[in-house]
Amino acid sequence: QVQLVESGGGLVQPGGSLRLSCSASGFSFSTSPMTWVRRAPGEGLEWVSSITRDGGHTFYANSVKGRFTISRDNAKNMLYLQMNSLKSEDTAVYYCSRDSSRGQGTQVTVSS
């Protein structure tokens, strides 16, 4: 079955950077568009970014555009999210997703 395992979260100061990773298995990763979503404390799920199957097209929420970069390595079945210039409002649990499936998430906390 679909398995998605996120990693790379942590505590970072405002202005800092983190790189999230998602290891995918149980489905054809190279033929699947992939997405990152997040859930801030007390909030609903928010779409962050998506990438097409071949990585040729990427899409971002306005709130992260210019700061986050989504990428993938189809040879390794890996999805990434490079997050720069982090803000306190980026604090959330981040999930990678394929269709309606999500992993367990990785916590990102931006605080001084």
N, C-alpha and C. Protein backbone atom coordinates (compact mmCIF):
# COMPACT_ATOMS: atom_id res chain seq x y z
N GLN A 1 0.82 -1.18 0.00
CA GLN A 1 0.00 0.00 0.00
C GLN A 1 0.87 1.25 0.00
N VAL A 2 0.25 2.39 -0.23
CA VAL A 2 0.98 3.66 -0.27
C VAL A 2 1.60 3.93 1.09
N GLN A 3 2.91 4.22 1.07
CA GLN A 3 3.60 4.59 2.30
C GLN A 3 4.42 5.84 2.02
N LEU A 4 4.23 6.84 2.87
CA LEU A 4 4.93 8.11 2.76
C LEU A 4 5.53 8.43 4.12
N VAL A 5 6.83 8.67 4.16
CA VAL A 5 7.51 8.92 5.42
C VAL A 5 8.29 10.22 5.32
N GLU A 6 7.83 11.22 6.07
CA GLU A 6 8.47 12.53 6.06
C GLU A 6 9.57 12.60 7.12
N SER A 7 10.56 13.43 6.86
CA SER A 7 11.63 13.68 7.82
C SER A 7 12.23 15.05 7.55
N GLY A 8 13.06 15.50 8.49
CA GLY A 8 13.79 16.74 8.28
C GLY A 8 13.26 17.93 9.05
N GLY A 9 12.15 17.77 9.75
CA GLY A 9 11.61 18.88 10.52
C GLY A 9 12.48 19.18 11.74
N GLY A 10 12.12 20.25 12.45
CA GLY A 10 12.85 20.61 13.65
C GLY A 10 12.54 22.02 14.07
N LEU A 11 13.36 22.50 15.01
CA LEU A 11 13.23 23.86 15.52
C LEU A 11 14.27 24.74 14.83
N VAL A 12 13.82 25.85 14.29
CA VAL A 12 14.72 26.76 13.58
C VAL A 12 14.33 28.19 13.91
N GLN A 13 15.32 29.07 13.91
CA GLN A 13 15.04 30.48 14.16
C GLN A 13 14.45 31.15 12.94
N PRO A 14 13.69 32.21 13.14
CA PRO A 14 13.18 32.97 11.99
C PRO A 14 14.33 33.37 11.07
N GLY A 15 14.08 33.22 9.77
CA GLY A 15 15.11 33.49 8.79
C GLY A 15 15.95 32.29 8.43
N GLY A 16 15.79 31.22 9.18
CA GLY A 16 16.58 30.01 8.93
C GLY A 16 16.01 29.15 7.82
N SER A 17 16.66 28.02 7.64
CA SER A 17 16.28 27.09 6.56
C SER A 17 16.15 25.67 7.08
N LEU A 18 15.32 24.91 6.41
CA LEU A 18 15.19 23.48 6.64
C LEU A 18 14.92 22.81 5.30
N ARG A 19 15.30 21.55 5.21
CA ARG A 19 14.98 20.76 4.03
C ARG A 19 14.20 19.53 4.48
N LEU A 20 12.97 19.44 4.05
CA LEU A 20 12.15 18.28 4.35
C LEU A 20 12.31 17.23 3.26
N SER A 21 12.24 15.98 3.67
CA SER A 21 12.30 14.86 2.74
C SER A 21 11.10 13.96 2.94
N CYS A 22 10.71 13.29 1.89
CA CYS A 22 9.61 12.32 1.94
C CYS A 22 10.01 11.10 1.14
N SER A 23 10.06 9.98 1.81
CA SER A 23 10.36 8.71 1.15
C SER A 23 9.06 8.03 0.79
N ALA A 24 8.91 7.67 -0.48
CA ALA A 24 7.66 7.09 -0.97
C ALA A 24 7.85 5.64 -1.38
N SER A 25 6.84 4.81 -1.12
CA SER A 25 6.86 3.42 -1.55
C SER A 25 5.43 2.92 -1.69
N GLY A 26 5.29 1.78 -2.37
CA GLY A 26 3.98 1.15 -2.50
C GLY A 26 3.15 1.63 -3.67
N PHE A 27 3.72 2.48 -4.49
CA PHE A 27 3.01 2.95 -5.69
C PHE A 27 4.04 3.43 -6.70
N SER A 28 3.56 3.75 -7.88
CA SER A 28 4.45 4.21 -8.93
C SER A 28 4.76 5.70 -8.72
N PHE A 29 5.86 5.96 -8.02
CA PHE A 29 6.19 7.33 -7.66
C PHE A 29 6.43 8.19 -8.89
N SER A 30 7.15 7.64 -9.86
CA SER A 30 7.55 8.44 -11.01
C SER A 30 6.38 8.88 -11.89
N THR A 31 5.23 8.24 -11.72
CA THR A 31 4.05 8.63 -12.51
C THR A 31 3.02 9.39 -11.67
N SER A 32 3.40 9.80 -10.47
CA SER A 32 2.47 10.46 -9.55
C SER A 32 2.86 11.90 -9.29
N PRO A 33 1.96 12.85 -9.58
CA PRO A 33 2.17 14.20 -9.07
C PRO A 33 2.19 14.14 -7.54
N MET A 34 2.97 14.99 -6.93
CA MET A 34 3.11 14.97 -5.47
C MET A 34 2.89 16.35 -4.89
N THR A 35 2.53 16.37 -3.64
CA THR A 35 2.14 17.61 -2.98
C THR A 35 2.67 17.66 -1.56
N TRP A 36 2.98 18.85 -1.09
CA TRP A 36 3.21 19.10 0.33
C TRP A 36 2.03 19.92 0.85
N VAL A 37 1.54 19.51 2.01
CA VAL A 37 0.52 20.27 2.72
C VAL A 37 1.00 20.45 4.14
N ARG A 38 0.36 21.35 4.88
CA ARG A 38 0.75 21.58 6.27
C ARG A 38 -0.47 21.89 7.11
N ARG A 39 -0.32 21.65 8.41
CA ARG A 39 -1.38 21.97 9.36
C ARG A 39 -0.76 22.74 10.51
N ALA A 40 -1.10 24.01 10.60
CA ALA A 40 -0.63 24.83 11.71
C ALA A 40 -1.47 24.52 12.94
N PRO A 41 -0.95 24.84 14.13
CA PRO A 41 -1.69 24.58 15.36
C PRO A 41 -3.09 25.21 15.32
N GLY A 42 -4.10 24.37 15.54
CA GLY A 42 -5.47 24.86 15.58
C GLY A 42 -6.09 25.20 14.25
N GLU A 43 -5.39 24.88 13.16
CA GLU A 43 -5.87 25.23 11.83
C GLU A 43 -6.14 23.97 11.01
N GLY A 44 -6.76 24.17 9.86
CA GLY A 44 -6.99 23.06 8.94
C GLY A 44 -5.79 22.84 8.04
N LEU A 45 -5.90 21.84 7.17
CA LEU A 45 -4.83 21.56 6.23
C LEU A 45 -4.72 22.70 5.21
N GLU A 46 -3.48 23.06 4.92
CA GLU A 46 -3.19 24.10 3.95
C GLU A 46 -2.29 23.55 2.86
N TRP A 47 -2.68 23.72 1.63
CA TRP A 47 -1.83 23.31 0.51
C TRP A 47 -0.62 24.23 0.45
N VAL A 48 0.57 23.62 0.27
CA VAL A 48 1.82 24.38 0.24
C VAL A 48 2.42 24.40 -1.17
N SER A 49 2.56 23.21 -1.76
CA SER A 49 3.26 23.14 -3.04
C SER A 49 2.97 21.81 -3.71
N SER A 50 3.03 21.82 -5.04
CA SER A 50 2.86 20.59 -5.81
C SER A 50 3.89 20.53 -6.93
N ILE A 51 4.13 19.31 -7.41
CA ILE A 51 5.09 19.11 -8.47
C ILE A 51 4.56 18.04 -9.42
N THR A 52 4.78 18.25 -10.71
CA THR A 52 4.32 17.28 -11.68
C THR A 52 5.18 16.03 -11.66
N ARG A 53 4.74 15.02 -12.41
CA ARG A 53 5.39 13.71 -12.36
C ARG A 53 6.88 13.78 -12.69
N ASP A 54 7.21 14.57 -13.68
CA ASP A 54 8.60 14.63 -14.11
C ASP A 54 9.36 15.77 -13.46
N GLY A 55 8.71 16.51 -12.60
CA GLY A 55 9.35 17.64 -11.93
C GLY A 55 9.44 18.88 -12.79
N GLY A 56 8.84 18.83 -13.97
CA GLY A 56 8.99 19.94 -14.89
C GLY A 56 8.18 21.17 -14.53
N HIS A 57 7.15 20.98 -13.74
CA HIS A 57 6.32 22.11 -13.33
C HIS A 57 6.11 22.06 -11.83
N THR A 58 6.21 23.21 -11.20
CA THR A 58 6.02 23.31 -9.76
C THR A 58 5.02 24.44 -9.46
N PHE A 59 4.34 24.33 -8.35
CA PHE A 59 3.29 25.26 -7.98
C PHE A 59 3.40 25.55 -6.49
N TYR A 60 3.14 26.80 -6.11
CA TYR A 60 3.31 27.21 -4.73
C TYR A 60 2.15 28.07 -4.25
N ALA A 61 1.84 27.91 -2.97
CA ALA A 61 0.93 28.84 -2.33
C ALA A 61 1.59 30.21 -2.27
N ASN A 62 0.79 31.25 -2.34
CA ASN A 62 1.34 32.60 -2.30
C ASN A 62 2.15 32.84 -1.03
N SER A 63 1.74 32.19 0.04
CA SER A 63 2.40 32.40 1.33
C SER A 63 3.84 31.89 1.37
N VAL A 64 4.20 30.99 0.45
CA VAL A 64 5.56 30.42 0.47
C VAL A 64 6.33 30.69 -0.82
N LYS A 65 5.68 31.28 -1.80
CA LYS A 65 6.31 31.51 -3.09
C LYS A 65 7.56 32.37 -2.92
N GLY A 66 8.65 31.95 -3.55
CA GLY A 66 9.91 32.67 -3.45
C GLY A 66 10.76 32.25 -2.27
N ARG A 67 10.20 31.48 -1.35
CA ARG A 67 10.95 31.03 -0.17
C ARG A 67 11.12 29.51 -0.15
N PHE A 68 10.14 28.80 -0.66
CA PHE A 68 10.17 27.33 -0.65
C PHE A 68 10.41 26.81 -2.06
N THR A 69 11.08 25.66 -2.14
CA THR A 69 11.31 25.00 -3.42
C THR A 69 11.01 23.52 -3.29
N ILE A 70 10.09 23.04 -4.11
CA ILE A 70 9.76 21.61 -4.13
C ILE A 70 10.58 20.95 -5.23
N SER A 71 11.00 19.71 -4.96
CA SER A 71 11.74 18.96 -5.97
C SER A 71 11.54 17.48 -5.72
N ARG A 72 11.99 16.68 -6.66
CA ARG A 72 11.83 15.22 -6.52
C ARG A 72 12.98 14.52 -7.20
N ASP A 73 13.22 13.29 -6.75
CA ASP A 73 14.21 12.41 -7.36
C ASP A 73 13.49 11.10 -7.64
N ASN A 74 13.06 10.93 -8.87
CA ASN A 74 12.28 9.74 -9.20
C ASN A 74 13.10 8.46 -9.13
N ALA A 75 14.39 8.56 -9.30
CA ALA A 75 15.24 7.38 -9.20
C ALA A 75 15.31 6.86 -7.76
N LYS A 76 15.11 7.76 -6.81
CA LYS A 76 15.19 7.38 -5.40
C LYS A 76 13.83 7.36 -4.72
N ASN A 77 12.78 7.66 -5.47
CA ASN A 77 11.42 7.74 -4.89
C ASN A 77 11.38 8.73 -3.72
N MET A 78 11.96 9.89 -3.94
CA MET A 78 12.06 10.90 -2.89
C MET A 78 11.45 12.22 -3.33
N LEU A 79 10.77 12.86 -2.40
CA LEU A 79 10.22 14.20 -2.59
C LEU A 79 10.87 15.11 -1.55
N TYR A 80 11.14 16.36 -1.94
CA TYR A 80 11.81 17.30 -1.05
C TYR A 80 11.08 18.63 -0.99
N LEU A 81 11.31 19.33 0.11
CA LEU A 81 10.85 20.72 0.22
C LEU A 81 11.95 21.52 0.90
N GLN A 82 12.61 22.37 0.13
CA GLN A 82 13.61 23.27 0.68
C GLN A 82 12.90 24.52 1.14
N MET A 83 13.06 24.84 2.42
CA MET A 83 12.37 25.98 3.01
C MET A 83 13.40 27.00 3.49
N ASN A 84 13.38 28.16 2.91
CA ASN A 84 14.29 29.23 3.29
C ASN A 84 13.52 30.42 3.86
N SER A 85 14.24 31.30 4.50
CA SER A 85 13.63 32.52 5.07
C SER A 85 12.37 32.18 5.87
N LEU A 86 12.51 31.21 6.74
CA LEU A 86 11.35 30.73 7.49
C LEU A 86 10.81 31.80 8.43
N LYS A 87 9.49 31.78 8.57
CA LYS A 87 8.78 32.72 9.42
C LYS A 87 8.02 31.95 10.50
N SER A 88 7.64 32.65 11.55
CA SER A 88 6.91 31.98 12.63
C SER A 88 5.61 31.38 12.10
N GLU A 89 5.02 32.02 11.12
CA GLU A 89 3.76 31.50 10.57
C GLU A 89 3.94 30.24 9.73
N ASP A 90 5.17 29.83 9.50
CA ASP A 90 5.43 28.55 8.82
C ASP A 90 5.40 27.38 9.81
N THR A 91 5.28 27.66 11.09
CA THR A 91 5.20 26.61 12.09
C THR A 91 3.97 25.73 11.82
N ALA A 92 4.22 24.43 11.66
CA ALA A 92 3.15 23.50 11.30
C ALA A 92 3.72 22.09 11.24
N VAL A 93 2.82 21.14 11.14
CA VAL A 93 3.21 19.79 10.77
C VAL A 93 3.10 19.71 9.25
N TYR A 94 4.17 19.26 8.62
CA TYR A 94 4.23 19.18 7.16
C TYR A 94 4.06 17.74 6.72
N TYR A 95 3.21 17.56 5.72
CA TYR A 95 2.92 16.24 5.19
C TYR A 95 3.19 16.20 3.69
N CYS A 96 3.76 15.11 3.22
CA CYS A 96 3.75 14.90 1.78
C CYS A 96 2.52 14.06 1.45
N SER A 97 2.00 14.26 0.27
CA SER A 97 0.76 13.56 -0.06
C SER A 97 0.71 13.17 -1.53
N ARG A 98 0.01 12.11 -1.77
CA ARG A 98 -0.29 11.63 -3.11
C ARG A 98 -1.77 11.28 -3.12
N ASP A 99 -2.52 12.01 -3.93
CA ASP A 99 -3.99 11.90 -3.89
C ASP A 99 -4.44 12.13 -2.45
N SER A 100 -5.16 11.21 -1.86
CA SER A 100 -5.69 11.39 -0.52
C SER A 100 -4.80 10.78 0.57
N SER A 101 -3.67 10.23 0.18
CA SER A 101 -2.78 9.59 1.15
C SER A 101 -1.76 10.59 1.67
N ARG A 102 -1.48 10.53 2.96
CA ARG A 102 -0.46 11.37 3.58
C ARG A 102 0.39 10.53 4.52
N GLY A 103 1.58 11.04 4.79
CA GLY A 103 2.42 10.39 5.78
C GLY A 103 2.03 10.83 7.18
N GLN A 104 2.91 10.53 8.14
CA GLN A 104 2.63 10.88 9.53
C GLN A 104 3.00 12.32 9.83
N GLY A 105 3.74 12.94 8.93
CA GLY A 105 4.10 14.33 9.09
C GLY A 105 5.40 14.55 9.84
N THR A 106 5.95 15.73 9.66
CA THR A 106 7.15 16.15 10.38
C THR A 106 6.93 17.56 10.89
N GLN A 107 7.26 17.77 12.16
CA GLN A 107 6.98 19.05 12.81
C GLN A 107 8.06 20.07 12.46
N VAL A 108 7.62 21.24 12.04
CA VAL A 108 8.51 22.38 11.81
C VAL A 108 8.09 23.49 12.77
N THR A 109 9.02 23.93 13.58
CA THR A 109 8.76 25.01 14.53
C THR A 109 9.73 26.14 14.27
N VAL A 110 9.20 27.31 13.98
CA VAL A 110 10.03 28.49 13.72
C VAL A 110 9.85 29.44 14.88
N SER A 111 10.91 29.59 15.67
CA SER A 111 10.82 30.39 16.88
C SER A 111 12.20 30.82 17.31
N SER A 112 12.26 32.01 17.91
CA SER A 112 13.53 32.48 18.45
C SER A 112 13.64 32.10 19.92
